[in-house]
C-alpha cells in the first residue's frame, strides 16, 4: 500500500518543484482530488 501512495505524493512534489528537470506544474484542487481518490482506491483494494 505504501509504494502507490508514495509515488502519488512524490509525483505531485516533482511536478510542483520541477525536480529532475521536469516541467513545472502547479498543484491545484483537481490534482489533489485525483491523488486522494487514487489513495482511497488503493486502500479499498488492500482492505478487501
N, C-alpha and C. Protein backbone atom coordinates (compact mmCIF):
# COMPACT_ATOMS: atom_id res chain seq x y z
N UNK A 1 0.83 -1.20 0.00
CA UNK A 1 0.00 0.00 0.00
C UNK A 1 0.86 1.25 0.00
N UNK A 2 2.05 1.18 0.55
CA UNK A 2 2.91 2.36 0.62
C UNK A 2 3.44 2.80 -0.76
N UNK A 3 3.93 1.90 -1.63
CA UNK A 3 4.51 2.36 -2.90
C UNK A 3 3.57 3.19 -3.77
N UNK A 4 2.30 2.80 -4.01
CA UNK A 4 1.45 3.66 -4.84
C UNK A 4 1.16 5.01 -4.17
N UNK A 5 1.00 5.00 -2.87
CA UNK A 5 0.74 6.24 -2.15
C UNK A 5 1.95 7.16 -2.22
N UNK A 6 3.11 6.60 -1.99
CA UNK A 6 4.35 7.38 -2.05
C UNK A 6 4.59 7.91 -3.46
N UNK A 7 4.34 7.08 -4.46
CA UNK A 7 4.53 7.52 -5.84
C UNK A 7 3.61 8.68 -6.19
N UNK A 8 2.38 8.63 -5.70
CA UNK A 8 1.42 9.69 -5.97
C UNK A 8 1.87 11.01 -5.33
N UNK A 9 2.30 10.95 -4.08
CA UNK A 9 2.74 12.15 -3.38
C UNK A 9 4.03 12.69 -3.99
N UNK A 10 4.96 11.79 -4.32
CA UNK A 10 6.20 12.24 -4.94
C UNK A 10 5.99 12.85 -6.32
N UNK A 11 5.04 12.32 -7.07
CA UNK A 11 4.78 12.90 -8.39
C UNK A 11 4.25 14.32 -8.28
N UNK A 12 3.42 14.58 -7.27
CA UNK A 12 2.95 15.95 -7.05
C UNK A 12 4.11 16.87 -6.67
N UNK A 13 5.02 16.38 -5.82
CA UNK A 13 6.17 17.19 -5.41
C UNK A 13 7.11 17.45 -6.58
N UNK A 14 7.36 16.41 -7.40
CA UNK A 14 8.25 16.58 -8.55
C UNK A 14 7.66 17.59 -9.53
N UNK A 15 6.36 17.52 -9.79
CA UNK A 15 5.72 18.49 -10.69
C UNK A 15 5.71 19.89 -10.09
N UNK A 16 5.50 19.98 -8.80
CA UNK A 16 5.39 21.30 -8.15
C UNK A 16 6.72 22.03 -8.18
N UNK A 17 7.82 21.33 -7.87
CA UNK A 17 9.12 21.98 -7.75
C UNK A 17 9.99 21.80 -8.99
N UNK A 18 9.52 21.10 -9.99
CA UNK A 18 10.29 20.92 -11.22
C UNK A 18 11.57 20.13 -11.01
N UNK A 19 11.52 19.13 -10.15
CA UNK A 19 12.69 18.32 -9.87
C UNK A 19 13.05 17.46 -11.08
N UNK A 20 14.29 17.04 -11.16
CA UNK A 20 14.80 16.20 -12.25
C UNK A 20 14.60 16.86 -13.62
N UNK A 21 14.64 18.18 -13.65
CA UNK A 21 14.49 18.97 -14.87
C UNK A 21 13.16 18.73 -15.58
N UNK A 22 12.17 18.35 -14.80
CA UNK A 22 10.82 18.18 -15.35
C UNK A 22 10.16 19.55 -15.45
N UNK A 23 9.14 19.67 -16.28
CA UNK A 23 8.45 20.94 -16.40
C UNK A 23 7.66 21.22 -15.12
N UNK A 24 7.54 22.48 -14.80
CA UNK A 24 6.89 22.95 -13.58
C UNK A 24 5.38 23.00 -13.77
N UNK A 25 4.63 22.40 -12.84
CA UNK A 25 3.17 22.44 -12.85
C UNK A 25 2.67 22.81 -11.47
N UNK A 26 1.65 23.63 -11.42
CA UNK A 26 1.07 23.98 -10.13
C UNK A 26 0.23 22.83 -9.59
N UNK A 27 0.19 22.73 -8.28
CA UNK A 27 -0.68 21.75 -7.63
C UNK A 27 -2.00 22.46 -7.37
N UNK A 28 -3.05 21.99 -8.03
CA UNK A 28 -4.36 22.61 -7.85
C UNK A 28 -5.33 21.60 -7.23
N UNK A 29 -6.52 22.03 -6.99
CA UNK A 29 -7.52 21.19 -6.32
C UNK A 29 -7.80 19.93 -7.13
N UNK A 30 -7.86 20.04 -8.42
CA UNK A 30 -8.14 18.88 -9.28
C UNK A 30 -7.07 17.80 -9.10
N UNK A 31 -5.82 18.17 -9.09
CA UNK A 31 -4.73 17.19 -8.94
C UNK A 31 -4.71 16.59 -7.54
N UNK A 32 -5.04 17.39 -6.53
CA UNK A 32 -5.09 16.86 -5.16
C UNK A 32 -6.23 15.86 -5.03
N UNK A 33 -7.39 16.17 -5.62
CA UNK A 33 -8.50 15.23 -5.57
C UNK A 33 -8.18 13.93 -6.30
N UNK A 34 -7.48 14.02 -7.42
CA UNK A 34 -7.06 12.81 -8.13
C UNK A 34 -6.17 11.95 -7.24
N UNK A 35 -5.24 12.59 -6.55
CA UNK A 35 -4.33 11.85 -5.68
C UNK A 35 -5.10 11.20 -4.53
N UNK A 36 -6.03 11.92 -3.95
CA UNK A 36 -6.81 11.38 -2.84
C UNK A 36 -7.68 10.20 -3.29
N UNK A 37 -8.26 10.30 -4.47
CA UNK A 37 -9.06 9.19 -4.99
C UNK A 37 -8.20 7.97 -5.28
N UNK A 38 -7.01 8.19 -5.80
CA UNK A 38 -6.10 7.08 -6.05
C UNK A 38 -5.71 6.40 -4.74
N UNK A 39 -5.38 7.18 -3.74
CA UNK A 39 -5.01 6.63 -2.43
C UNK A 39 -6.19 5.89 -1.81
N UNK A 40 -7.39 6.45 -1.93
CA UNK A 40 -8.57 5.78 -1.38
C UNK A 40 -8.83 4.46 -2.10
N UNK A 41 -8.64 4.43 -3.40
CA UNK A 41 -8.82 3.20 -4.16
C UNK A 41 -7.83 2.12 -3.75
N UNK A 42 -6.59 2.51 -3.55
CA UNK A 42 -5.56 1.56 -3.12
C UNK A 42 -5.91 1.01 -1.73
N UNK A 43 -6.38 1.89 -0.85
CA UNK A 43 -6.75 1.45 0.49
C UNK A 43 -7.93 0.48 0.46
N UNK A 44 -8.92 0.75 -0.40
CA UNK A 44 -10.06 -0.16 -0.51
C UNK A 44 -9.65 -1.52 -1.07
N UNK A 45 -8.77 -1.52 -2.05
CA UNK A 45 -8.30 -2.78 -2.61
C UNK A 45 -7.52 -3.57 -1.57
N UNK A 46 -6.69 -2.89 -0.79
CA UNK A 46 -5.92 -3.57 0.24
C UNK A 46 -6.81 -4.11 1.34
N UNK A 47 -7.89 -3.43 1.62
CA UNK A 47 -8.79 -3.86 2.70
C UNK A 47 -9.63 -5.07 2.29
N UNK A 48 -10.10 -5.08 1.07
CA UNK A 48 -10.98 -6.17 0.62
C UNK A 48 -10.22 -7.04 -0.32
